């Protein structure tokens, strides 16, 4: 009888833990990045740029090894140029790792390079948020 009650108690605890909803911050970031990458994949650069603060710290191998300050208009211009070079560029999120107001996003970028070759590029972005907007977006990928 004790074994039966212990087993029932363990099963009940497992069901409670498994059914526990995600924390608010995880749910918010998942929703946030669904929207963010939705804008990216439809090339709605203005809507995507509005998810950034008016000035943000951006680190991307395209700009060198140092972070640079970029405005929303700069972000729109950068991604407009990207979609002119690679009209079918799309991103697919693999994982989101939130930690306080910083989130690491792991994703794959795909498309057709200007030389006609298809590519798949694994990317990792570390984004920091203030007041619901991205203030820092540091992107890492192999650009060789």
N, C-alpha and C. Protein backbone atom coordinates (compact mmCIF):
# COMPACT_ATOMS: atom_id res chain seq x y z
N UNK A 1 0.83 -1.19 0.00
CA UNK A 1 0.00 0.00 0.00
C UNK A 1 0.87 1.26 0.00
N UNK A 2 1.96 1.23 0.80
CA UNK A 2 2.85 2.39 0.84
C UNK A 2 3.49 2.62 -0.53
N UNK A 3 3.89 1.52 -1.20
CA UNK A 3 4.48 1.63 -2.53
C UNK A 3 3.49 2.26 -3.50
N UNK A 4 2.23 1.84 -3.42
CA UNK A 4 1.18 2.37 -4.28
C UNK A 4 1.00 3.87 -4.06
N UNK A 5 0.95 4.30 -2.80
CA UNK A 5 0.79 5.72 -2.50
C UNK A 5 2.00 6.53 -2.93
N UNK A 6 3.22 5.97 -2.72
CA UNK A 6 4.43 6.65 -3.15
C UNK A 6 4.45 6.80 -4.67
N UNK A 7 4.12 5.73 -5.39
CA UNK A 7 4.07 5.78 -6.85
C UNK A 7 3.04 6.79 -7.32
N UNK A 8 1.88 6.79 -6.73
CA UNK A 8 0.83 7.75 -7.09
C UNK A 8 1.29 9.18 -6.83
N UNK A 9 1.97 9.40 -5.71
CA UNK A 9 2.50 10.73 -5.38
C UNK A 9 3.53 11.20 -6.39
N UNK A 10 4.43 10.30 -6.80
CA UNK A 10 5.45 10.66 -7.79
C UNK A 10 4.80 10.98 -9.12
N UNK A 11 3.85 10.18 -9.55
CA UNK A 11 3.15 10.45 -10.82
C UNK A 11 2.42 11.78 -10.78
N UNK A 12 1.79 12.07 -9.66
CA UNK A 12 1.09 13.35 -9.50
C UNK A 12 2.07 14.51 -9.60
N UNK A 13 3.24 14.39 -8.96
CA UNK A 13 4.26 15.45 -9.02
C UNK A 13 4.77 15.64 -10.45
N UNK A 14 4.99 14.54 -11.17
CA UNK A 14 5.44 14.62 -12.56
C UNK A 14 4.40 15.33 -13.42
N UNK A 15 3.14 15.01 -13.24
CA UNK A 15 2.08 15.66 -14.01
C UNK A 15 2.01 17.16 -13.72
N UNK A 16 2.21 17.55 -12.49
CA UNK A 16 2.18 18.97 -12.12
C UNK A 16 3.35 19.69 -12.78
N UNK A 17 4.55 19.11 -12.70
CA UNK A 17 5.74 19.74 -13.29
C UNK A 17 5.62 19.80 -14.81
N UNK A 18 5.20 18.72 -15.45
CA UNK A 18 5.10 18.68 -16.91
C UNK A 18 4.05 19.66 -17.42
N UNK A 19 2.99 19.85 -16.68
CA UNK A 19 1.93 20.74 -17.12
C UNK A 19 2.13 22.19 -16.74
N UNK A 20 3.24 22.48 -16.05
CA UNK A 20 3.50 23.84 -15.60
C UNK A 20 3.74 24.74 -16.80
N UNK A 21 3.04 25.87 -16.90
CA UNK A 21 3.25 26.76 -18.04
C UNK A 21 4.62 27.42 -17.95
N UNK A 22 5.11 27.90 -19.09
CA UNK A 22 6.38 28.60 -19.13
C UNK A 22 6.25 29.91 -18.40
N UNK A 23 7.39 30.42 -17.96
CA UNK A 23 7.36 31.70 -17.26
C UNK A 23 6.94 32.80 -18.20
N UNK A 24 6.51 33.93 -17.64
CA UNK A 24 6.06 35.05 -18.47
C UNK A 24 7.18 35.52 -19.39
N UNK A 25 8.40 35.59 -18.88
CA UNK A 25 9.48 36.10 -19.74
C UNK A 25 9.73 35.16 -20.91
N UNK A 26 9.67 33.85 -20.69
CA UNK A 26 9.86 32.92 -21.80
C UNK A 26 8.74 33.05 -22.82
N UNK A 27 7.52 33.17 -22.35
CA UNK A 27 6.39 33.31 -23.27
C UNK A 27 6.50 34.62 -24.05
N UNK A 28 6.88 35.69 -23.37
CA UNK A 28 7.01 36.97 -24.04
C UNK A 28 8.10 36.92 -25.11
N UNK A 29 9.25 36.32 -24.79
CA UNK A 29 10.33 36.27 -25.77
C UNK A 29 9.98 35.36 -26.93
N UNK A 30 9.30 34.27 -26.69
CA UNK A 30 8.87 33.41 -27.79
C UNK A 30 7.94 34.17 -28.72
N UNK A 31 6.96 34.85 -28.15
CA UNK A 31 6.04 35.65 -28.96
C UNK A 31 6.79 36.77 -29.67
N UNK A 32 7.69 37.42 -28.96
CA UNK A 32 8.47 38.52 -29.52
C UNK A 32 9.24 38.06 -30.75
N UNK A 33 9.93 36.92 -30.63
CA UNK A 33 10.75 36.46 -31.75
C UNK A 33 9.91 35.84 -32.86
N UNK A 34 8.74 35.32 -32.56
CA UNK A 34 7.82 34.91 -33.64
C UNK A 34 7.49 36.13 -34.50
N UNK A 35 7.19 37.24 -33.83
CA UNK A 35 6.87 38.48 -34.55
C UNK A 35 8.11 39.02 -35.27
N UNK A 36 9.23 39.09 -34.57
CA UNK A 36 10.47 39.63 -35.14
C UNK A 36 10.86 38.88 -36.41
N UNK A 37 10.95 37.54 -36.33
CA UNK A 37 11.37 36.76 -37.49
C UNK A 37 10.27 36.69 -38.55
N UNK A 38 9.02 36.88 -38.15
CA UNK A 38 7.94 37.01 -39.13
C UNK A 38 8.18 38.23 -40.01
N UNK A 39 8.54 39.35 -39.38
CA UNK A 39 8.86 40.56 -40.14
C UNK A 39 10.10 40.33 -41.02
N UNK A 40 11.11 39.65 -40.46
CA UNK A 40 12.31 39.38 -41.24
C UNK A 40 11.96 38.56 -42.48
N UNK A 41 11.20 37.51 -42.29
CA UNK A 41 10.92 36.59 -43.39
C UNK A 41 9.99 37.18 -44.45
N UNK A 42 9.22 38.21 -44.11
CA UNK A 42 8.39 38.89 -45.11
C UNK A 42 9.07 40.17 -45.60
N UNK A 43 10.29 40.40 -45.11
CA UNK A 43 11.09 41.57 -45.48
C UNK A 43 10.37 42.88 -45.16
N UNK A 44 9.67 42.88 -44.03
CA UNK A 44 9.01 44.09 -43.53
C UNK A 44 10.01 44.77 -42.60
N UNK A 45 10.99 45.43 -43.21
CA UNK A 45 12.12 45.99 -42.46
C UNK A 45 11.70 47.11 -41.52
N UNK A 46 10.71 47.90 -41.91
CA UNK A 46 10.27 48.99 -41.04
C UNK A 46 9.67 48.45 -39.75
N UNK A 47 8.80 47.45 -39.87
CA UNK A 47 8.19 46.86 -38.66
C UNK A 47 9.26 46.20 -37.80
N UNK A 48 10.20 45.51 -38.44
CA UNK A 48 11.27 44.87 -37.68
C UNK A 48 12.13 45.92 -36.97
N UNK A 49 12.48 47.00 -37.67
CA UNK A 49 13.30 48.06 -37.07
C UNK A 49 12.60 48.71 -35.89
N UNK A 50 11.28 48.77 -35.91
CA UNK A 50 10.53 49.36 -34.80
C UNK A 50 10.59 48.51 -33.53
N UNK A 51 11.17 47.30 -33.62
CA UNK A 51 11.34 46.46 -32.45
C UNK A 51 12.67 46.77 -31.75
N UNK A 52 13.45 47.66 -32.35
CA UNK A 52 14.71 48.14 -31.78
C UNK A 52 14.48 49.50 -31.13
N UNK A 53 15.34 49.87 -30.19
CA UNK A 53 15.35 51.23 -29.66
C UNK A 53 15.77 52.16 -30.81
N UNK A 54 15.53 53.46 -30.65
CA UNK A 54 15.90 54.40 -31.72
C UNK A 54 17.38 54.29 -32.06
N UNK A 55 18.24 54.08 -31.08
CA UNK A 55 19.65 53.80 -31.31
C UNK A 55 20.01 52.52 -30.58
N UNK A 56 20.66 51.61 -31.29
CA UNK A 56 21.03 50.31 -30.72
C UNK A 56 22.49 50.02 -31.00
N UNK A 57 23.07 49.21 -30.13
CA UNK A 57 24.42 48.69 -30.33
C UNK A 57 24.32 47.45 -31.21
N UNK A 58 24.97 47.50 -32.36
CA UNK A 58 24.90 46.38 -33.31
C UNK A 58 26.31 45.87 -33.54
N UNK A 59 26.49 44.55 -33.37
CA UNK A 59 27.76 43.92 -33.71
C UNK A 59 27.44 42.84 -34.74
N UNK A 60 28.08 42.96 -35.90
CA UNK A 60 27.86 42.04 -37.01
C UNK A 60 29.16 41.98 -37.79
N UNK A 61 29.63 40.80 -38.18
CA UNK A 61 30.87 40.73 -38.96
C UNK A 61 30.88 41.65 -40.19
N UNK A 62 29.72 41.97 -40.72
CA UNK A 62 29.64 42.88 -41.86
C UNK A 62 30.22 44.25 -41.51
N UNK A 63 30.08 44.68 -40.25
CA UNK A 63 30.53 45.99 -39.81
C UNK A 63 31.92 45.95 -39.17
N UNK A 64 32.57 44.80 -39.11
CA UNK A 64 33.86 44.67 -38.45
C UNK A 64 33.71 43.96 -37.12
N UNK A 65 34.75 44.07 -36.27
CA UNK A 65 34.71 43.31 -35.02
C UNK A 65 34.17 44.11 -33.85
N UNK A 66 33.99 45.40 -34.01
CA UNK A 66 33.49 46.25 -32.93
C UNK A 66 31.99 46.50 -33.10
N UNK A 67 31.32 46.72 -31.99
CA UNK A 67 29.91 47.11 -32.03
C UNK A 67 29.82 48.54 -32.55
N UNK A 68 28.75 48.80 -33.30
CA UNK A 68 28.51 50.15 -33.83
C UNK A 68 27.11 50.59 -33.41
N UNK A 69 26.92 51.88 -33.32
CA UNK A 69 25.61 52.43 -33.00
C UNK A 69 24.82 52.58 -34.29
N UNK A 70 23.58 52.09 -34.29
CA UNK A 70 22.74 52.16 -35.49
C UNK A 70 21.35 52.65 -35.09
N UNK A 71 20.77 53.47 -35.96
CA UNK A 71 19.40 53.93 -35.77
C UNK A 71 18.45 52.97 -36.46
N UNK A 72 17.18 53.15 -36.23
CA UNK A 72 16.18 52.34 -36.94
C UNK A 72 16.31 52.52 -38.45
N UNK A 73 16.56 53.76 -38.89
CA UNK A 73 16.72 54.01 -40.33
C UNK A 73 17.93 53.25 -40.88
N UNK A 74 19.01 53.18 -40.10
CA UNK A 74 20.19 52.41 -40.51
C UNK A 74 19.84 50.93 -40.66
N UNK A 75 19.05 50.42 -39.73
CA UNK A 75 18.65 49.00 -39.75
C UNK A 75 17.81 48.73 -40.99
N UNK A 76 16.87 49.61 -41.29
CA UNK A 76 16.04 49.45 -42.49
C UNK A 76 16.92 49.45 -43.73
N UNK A 77 17.87 50.38 -43.81
CA UNK A 77 18.77 50.45 -44.97
C UNK A 77 19.61 49.20 -45.12
N UNK A 78 20.16 48.71 -44.01
CA UNK A 78 21.02 47.52 -44.05
C UNK A 78 20.25 46.31 -44.57
N UNK A 79 19.06 46.08 -44.01
CA UNK A 79 18.31 44.89 -44.40
C UNK A 79 17.67 45.05 -45.78
N UNK A 80 17.40 46.27 -46.19
CA UNK A 80 16.90 46.50 -47.56
C UNK A 80 17.99 46.10 -48.56
N UNK A 81 19.23 46.47 -48.28
CA UNK A 81 20.35 46.08 -49.14
C UNK A 81 20.51 44.56 -49.16
N UNK A 82 20.37 43.94 -47.98
CA UNK A 82 20.49 42.49 -47.91
C UNK A 82 19.44 41.82 -48.79
N UNK A 83 18.19 42.27 -48.71
CA UNK A 83 17.14 41.62 -49.49
C UNK A 83 17.24 41.93 -50.98
N UNK A 84 17.92 43.01 -51.35
CA UNK A 84 18.18 43.25 -52.77
C UNK A 84 19.22 42.25 -53.28
N UNK A 85 20.25 41.95 -52.46
CA UNK A 85 21.28 40.99 -52.85
C UNK A 85 20.76 39.55 -52.79
N UNK A 86 19.92 39.28 -51.77
CA UNK A 86 19.43 37.92 -51.54
C UNK A 86 17.91 38.00 -51.35
N UNK A 87 17.16 38.07 -52.46
CA UNK A 87 15.71 38.30 -52.36
C UNK A 87 14.94 37.21 -51.60
N UNK A 88 15.50 36.00 -51.53
CA UNK A 88 14.78 34.91 -50.86
C UNK A 88 15.32 34.61 -49.47
N UNK A 89 16.05 35.56 -48.86
CA UNK A 89 16.63 35.32 -47.54
C UNK A 89 15.53 35.10 -46.50
N UNK A 90 15.70 34.07 -45.70
CA UNK A 90 14.75 33.72 -44.64
C UNK A 90 15.53 33.18 -43.45
N UNK A 91 14.95 33.33 -42.27
CA UNK A 91 15.54 32.80 -41.05
C UNK A 91 14.59 31.83 -40.37
N UNK A 92 15.15 30.79 -39.78
CA UNK A 92 14.38 29.81 -39.01
C UNK A 92 15.01 29.69 -37.62
N UNK A 93 14.21 29.96 -36.60
CA UNK A 93 14.70 29.90 -35.23
C UNK A 93 14.85 28.45 -34.80
N UNK A 94 16.00 28.15 -34.20
CA UNK A 94 16.25 26.82 -33.65
C UNK A 94 16.00 26.79 -32.16
N UNK A 95 16.53 27.80 -31.44
CA UNK A 95 16.39 27.85 -29.99
C UNK A 95 16.42 29.28 -29.50
N UNK A 96 15.74 29.50 -28.38
CA UNK A 96 15.74 30.79 -27.70
C UNK A 96 16.14 30.52 -26.25
N UNK A 97 17.17 31.25 -25.77
CA UNK A 97 17.68 31.06 -24.43
C UNK A 97 17.57 32.38 -23.66
N UNK A 98 16.47 32.61 -22.96
CA UNK A 98 16.34 33.87 -22.21
C UNK A 98 17.08 33.81 -20.87
N UNK A 99 17.63 34.95 -20.47
CA UNK A 99 18.26 35.09 -19.16
C UNK A 99 18.11 36.55 -18.74
N UNK A 100 17.10 36.82 -17.95
CA UNK A 100 16.83 38.20 -17.57
C UNK A 100 16.42 39.01 -18.78
N UNK A 101 17.09 40.15 -18.98
CA UNK A 101 16.74 40.99 -20.12
C UNK A 101 17.63 40.72 -21.33
N UNK A 102 18.40 39.64 -21.28
CA UNK A 102 19.25 39.23 -22.40
C UNK A 102 18.76 37.89 -22.92
N UNK A 103 18.75 37.77 -24.24
CA UNK A 103 18.27 36.54 -24.87
C UNK A 103 19.27 36.13 -25.94
N UNK A 104 19.62 34.86 -25.95
CA UNK A 104 20.44 34.30 -27.02
C UNK A 104 19.48 33.58 -27.97
N UNK A 105 19.59 33.91 -29.25
CA UNK A 105 18.73 33.29 -30.26
C UNK A 105 19.63 32.57 -31.26
N UNK A 106 19.36 31.30 -31.45
CA UNK A 106 20.10 30.48 -32.38
C UNK A 106 19.19 30.24 -33.59
N UNK A 107 19.68 30.56 -34.80
CA UNK A 107 18.83 30.40 -35.97
C UNK A 107 19.66 30.07 -37.21
N UNK A 108 18.98 29.68 -38.28
CA UNK A 108 19.60 29.37 -39.56
C UNK A 108 19.05 30.34 -40.59
N UNK A 109 19.96 30.97 -41.31
CA UNK A 109 19.58 31.86 -42.40
C UNK A 109 19.78 31.09 -43.71
N UNK A 110 18.80 31.16 -44.59
CA UNK A 110 18.89 30.46 -45.87
C UNK A 110 18.55 31.42 -47.01
N UNK A 111 18.99 31.06 -48.18
CA UNK A 111 18.67 31.85 -49.36
C UNK A 111 19.56 31.48 -50.52
N UNK A 112 19.52 32.31 -51.54
CA UNK A 112 20.33 32.10 -52.73
C UNK A 112 21.32 33.26 -52.84
N UNK A 113 22.60 32.96 -52.77
CA UNK A 113 23.64 33.98 -52.85
C UNK A 113 23.64 34.60 -54.24
N UNK A 114 24.24 35.78 -54.38
CA UNK A 114 24.29 36.44 -55.69
C UNK A 114 24.93 35.58 -56.79
N UNK A 115 25.80 34.63 -56.42
CA UNK A 115 26.41 33.75 -57.43
C UNK A 115 25.51 32.59 -57.82
N UNK A 116 24.29 32.53 -57.24
CA UNK A 116 23.33 31.48 -57.58
C UNK A 116 23.38 30.26 -56.67
N UNK A 117 24.34 30.21 -55.76
CA UNK A 117 24.45 29.07 -54.85
C UNK A 117 23.50 29.23 -53.67
N UNK A 118 22.86 28.13 -53.31
CA UNK A 118 22.01 28.08 -52.11
C UNK A 118 22.91 28.04 -50.88
N UNK A 119 22.48 28.67 -49.80
CA UNK A 119 23.27 28.62 -48.58
C UNK A 119 22.38 28.38 -47.37
N UNK A 120 23.00 27.84 -46.34
CA UNK A 120 22.42 27.70 -45.01
C UNK A 120 23.50 28.19 -44.05
N UNK A 121 23.18 29.25 -43.30
CA UNK A 121 24.17 29.87 -42.43
C UNK A 121 23.69 29.84 -40.99
N UNK A 122 24.37 29.07 -40.11
CA UNK A 122 23.99 29.09 -38.70
C UNK A 122 24.44 30.40 -38.06
N UNK A 123 23.55 31.00 -37.29
CA UNK A 123 23.81 32.31 -36.68
C UNK A 123 23.39 32.25 -35.20
N UNK A 124 24.12 32.98 -34.39
CA UNK A 124 23.76 33.14 -32.99
C UNK A 124 23.72 34.64 -32.71
N UNK A 125 22.63 35.11 -32.12
CA UNK A 125 22.48 36.53 -31.77
C UNK A 125 22.26 36.65 -30.27
N UNK A 126 22.96 37.60 -29.68
CA UNK A 126 22.77 37.91 -28.26
C UNK A 126 22.12 39.28 -28.22
N UNK A 127 20.87 39.31 -27.76
CA UNK A 127 20.10 40.55 -27.75
C UNK A 127 19.77 40.96 -26.33
N UNK A 128 19.91 42.26 -26.07
CA UNK A 128 19.56 42.81 -24.77
C UNK A 128 18.41 43.78 -24.96
N UNK A 129 17.47 43.73 -24.00
CA UNK A 129 16.24 44.51 -24.09
C UNK A 129 16.13 45.54 -22.98
N UNK A 130 15.54 46.67 -23.31
CA UNK A 130 15.13 47.67 -22.32
C UNK A 130 13.77 48.19 -22.77
N UNK A 131 12.84 48.23 -21.84
CA UNK A 131 11.49 48.71 -22.11
C UNK A 131 10.86 48.02 -23.32
N UNK A 132 11.14 46.72 -23.48
CA UNK A 132 10.53 45.94 -24.54
C UNK A 132 11.14 46.13 -25.92
N UNK A 133 12.26 46.86 -26.00
CA UNK A 133 12.92 47.10 -27.28
C UNK A 133 14.35 46.56 -27.24
N UNK A 134 14.86 46.18 -28.39
CA UNK A 134 16.24 45.69 -28.50
C UNK A 134 17.17 46.89 -28.43
N UNK A 135 18.10 46.87 -27.47
CA UNK A 135 19.09 47.95 -27.36
C UNK A 135 20.48 47.47 -27.76
N UNK A 136 20.64 46.15 -27.84
CA UNK A 136 21.91 45.56 -28.23
C UNK A 136 21.64 44.28 -29.00
N UNK A 137 22.24 44.16 -30.17
CA UNK A 137 22.06 42.99 -31.03
C UNK A 137 23.44 42.60 -31.54
N UNK A 138 24.04 41.60 -30.90
CA UNK A 138 25.38 41.16 -31.28
C UNK A 138 25.25 39.80 -31.95
N UNK A 139 25.62 39.76 -33.23
CA UNK A 139 25.40 38.59 -34.09
C UNK A 139 26.73 37.93 -34.41
N UNK A 140 26.75 36.60 -34.34
CA UNK A 140 27.95 35.83 -34.62
C UNK A 140 27.66 34.74 -35.65
N UNK A 141 28.51 34.69 -36.67
CA UNK A 141 28.43 33.64 -37.69
C UNK A 141 29.76 33.59 -38.42
N UNK A 142 29.98 32.52 -39.13
CA UNK A 142 31.20 32.35 -39.92
C UNK A 142 30.98 33.06 -41.26
N UNK A 143 31.72 34.13 -41.48
CA UNK A 143 31.53 34.89 -42.72
C UNK A 143 32.64 34.65 -43.74
N UNK A 144 33.34 33.53 -43.62
CA UNK A 144 34.41 33.23 -44.57
C UNK A 144 33.94 32.28 -45.62
